[in-house]
Protein backbone atom coordinates (compact mmCIF):
# COMPACT_ATOMS: atom_id res chain seq x y z
CA MET A 1 203.25 21.18 19.31
CA GLN A 2 203.74 17.56 18.30
CA LYS A 3 201.04 15.66 16.64
CA ARG A 4 199.10 12.82 18.30
CA ILE A 5 198.98 9.10 17.66
CA LEU A 6 195.59 7.49 17.12
CA ALA A 7 195.12 3.87 18.18
CA LEU A 8 192.45 1.48 16.84
CA ASP A 9 191.26 -1.86 18.29
CA TYR A 10 189.64 -3.48 15.23
CA GLY A 11 186.69 -5.70 15.96
CA GLU A 12 184.05 -7.35 13.82
CA LYS A 13 181.25 -5.14 15.24
CA ARG A 14 183.12 -2.20 16.77
CA ILE A 15 186.44 -0.45 16.43
CA GLY A 16 187.87 1.01 19.64
CA ILE A 17 189.52 4.41 19.49
CA ALA A 18 192.21 6.04 21.66
CA VAL A 19 194.54 8.99 21.18
CA SER A 20 197.82 10.02 22.73
CA ASP A 21 198.52 13.32 24.34
CA PRO A 22 200.44 15.78 22.10
CA LEU A 23 203.73 14.74 23.60
CA GLY A 24 203.20 11.03 23.06
CA ILE A 25 203.40 10.10 26.70
CA THR A 26 199.95 8.88 27.65
CA ALA A 27 196.93 7.30 26.00
CA GLN A 28 193.35 8.29 26.54
CA PRO A 29 190.35 6.17 25.49
CA VAL A 30 188.16 8.23 23.18
CA ASP A 31 185.20 6.16 21.94
CA TYR A 32 184.32 3.40 19.63
CA MET A 33 182.75 3.41 16.12
CA LYS A 34 180.57 0.72 14.60
CA ASN A 35 182.44 -1.31 12.02
CA GLU A 36 180.38 -0.42 8.92
CA GLY A 37 182.63 -1.63 6.09
CA LYS A 38 185.83 -0.34 4.61
CA ASN A 39 184.65 2.91 2.96
CA LYS A 40 182.48 4.14 5.88
CA ASN A 41 185.24 3.19 8.34
CA LEU A 42 187.80 5.11 6.19
CA LEU A 43 185.66 8.26 6.23
CA LYS A 44 185.34 8.22 10.02
CA ILE A 45 189.01 7.56 10.46
CA LYS A 46 189.89 10.44 8.21
CA GLU A 47 187.65 12.61 10.41
CA LEU A 48 189.46 11.39 13.51
CA ILE A 49 192.90 12.16 11.92
CA LEU A 50 191.76 15.73 11.32
CA LYS A 51 190.02 16.16 14.70
CA TYR A 52 193.09 14.95 16.68
CA ASP A 53 195.80 16.18 14.22
CA ALA A 54 197.16 12.65 14.16
CA LYS A 55 200.58 11.88 12.66
CA LYS A 56 200.28 8.11 12.90
CA ILE A 57 197.77 5.35 13.44
CA VAL A 58 198.51 2.19 15.52
CA VAL A 59 196.25 -0.77 15.02
CA GLY A 60 196.23 -3.67 17.48
CA VAL A 61 197.13 -7.01 15.71
CA PRO A 62 195.82 -10.07 17.62
CA LEU A 63 198.61 -12.69 17.39
CA THR A 64 198.13 -16.17 18.86
CA LEU A 65 199.80 -16.98 22.22
CA SER A 66 202.66 -18.60 20.28
CA GLY A 67 203.04 -15.42 18.19
CA GLY A 68 201.49 -16.86 15.08
CA GLU A 69 198.64 -15.70 12.86
CA SER A 70 194.96 -16.55 13.15
CA LYS A 71 192.10 -15.79 10.88
CA LYS A 72 191.45 -12.70 12.90
CA THR A 73 195.12 -11.61 12.50
CA LYS A 74 194.81 -11.88 8.67
CA GLU A 75 191.60 -9.84 8.83
CA VAL A 76 193.29 -7.01 10.83
CA ASN A 77 196.32 -7.03 8.53
CA LYS A 78 194.07 -6.60 5.52
CA PHE A 79 192.49 -3.64 7.38
CA ILE A 80 195.94 -2.15 8.06
CA GLU A 81 196.94 -2.56 4.35
CA PHE A 82 193.74 -0.88 3.22
CA LEU A 83 194.44 2.09 5.61
CA ARG A 84 198.03 2.35 4.31
CA LYS A 85 196.86 2.56 0.70
CA ASN A 86 194.15 5.08 1.46
CA LEU A 87 195.71 7.38 4.05
CA SER A 88 198.53 9.87 3.86
CA ILE A 89 199.86 9.17 7.39
CA GLU A 90 201.84 6.19 8.67
CA VAL A 91 199.90 3.13 9.88
CA ASP A 92 201.54 0.61 12.11
CA GLY A 93 200.47 -2.72 13.40
CA PHE A 94 201.24 -3.56 16.98
CA ASN A 95 200.90 -6.81 18.89
CA GLU A 96 197.91 -6.19 21.13
CA ALA A 97 198.96 -8.90 23.60
CA MET A 98 195.51 -9.70 24.94
CA THR A 99 194.54 -6.19 25.65
CA THR A 100 190.78 -6.86 25.23
CA ARG A 101 191.08 -9.45 27.99
CA ASP A 102 192.96 -6.99 30.15
CA ALA A 103 190.44 -4.31 29.52
CA GLN A 104 187.65 -6.72 30.56
CA SER A 105 189.56 -7.48 33.79
CA VAL A 106 189.91 -3.71 34.58
CA LEU A 107 186.18 -3.13 34.09
CA LEU A 108 185.29 -6.25 36.19
CA GLU A 109 187.52 -5.07 38.99
CA GLY A 110 185.81 -1.67 38.81
CA ASN A 111 182.37 -3.35 39.21
CA VAL A 112 181.17 -1.94 35.81
CA SER A 113 177.91 -3.37 34.78
CA ARG A 114 177.71 -5.75 31.83
CA LYS A 115 175.93 -3.12 29.67
CA LYS A 116 178.45 -0.47 30.47
CA ARG A 117 181.34 -2.86 30.01
CA LYS A 118 180.11 -3.46 26.42
CA GLU A 119 180.20 0.31 25.84
CA LYS A 120 183.65 0.84 27.30
CA ILE A 121 185.74 -2.28 26.43
CA ASP A 122 186.80 -1.32 22.89
CA LYS A 123 188.06 2.12 23.72
CA LEU A 124 189.75 0.86 26.82
CA ALA A 125 191.41 -1.90 24.83
CA ALA A 126 192.50 0.69 22.24
CA SER A 127 193.93 2.86 24.98
CA LEU A 128 195.95 -0.17 26.37
CA ILE A 129 197.33 -0.98 22.90
CA LEU A 130 198.47 2.69 22.56
CA GLN A 131 199.93 2.86 26.05
CA GLN A 132 201.98 -0.36 25.35
CA TYR A 133 203.00 1.13 21.98
CA LEU A 134 204.18 4.42 23.57
CA ARG A 135 206.03 2.58 26.31
CA ASP A 136 207.87 0.46 23.75
CA GLN A 137 208.96 3.41 21.61
């Protein structure tokens, strides 16, 4: 059985989590975790790696519309570098191409209430990042 890929949608307050199926064909939204600082986040991510037997982590990188870097891009890249230094599996950055906005649209079209959208948006965005990553591989 092949190992899974874990996707993270890094945010200031929450980090969305998604995981691939064992064959690396589909992405499923899992949950989100509170962004509680580097060390607490690292512990939770290590638990996720073990739980899902992940071989790789993909982190959504928010580039500007012109493909450039913003303050948020630099923050996410620092997070990626921190993970690379502290984990024994591969960590890739992947252009998230407005997946949070797309996730918001999906939830609005599904008439999901504002409260429920807040709970679901991060994991759905992580799932969209992972689905795009899998499609591009």
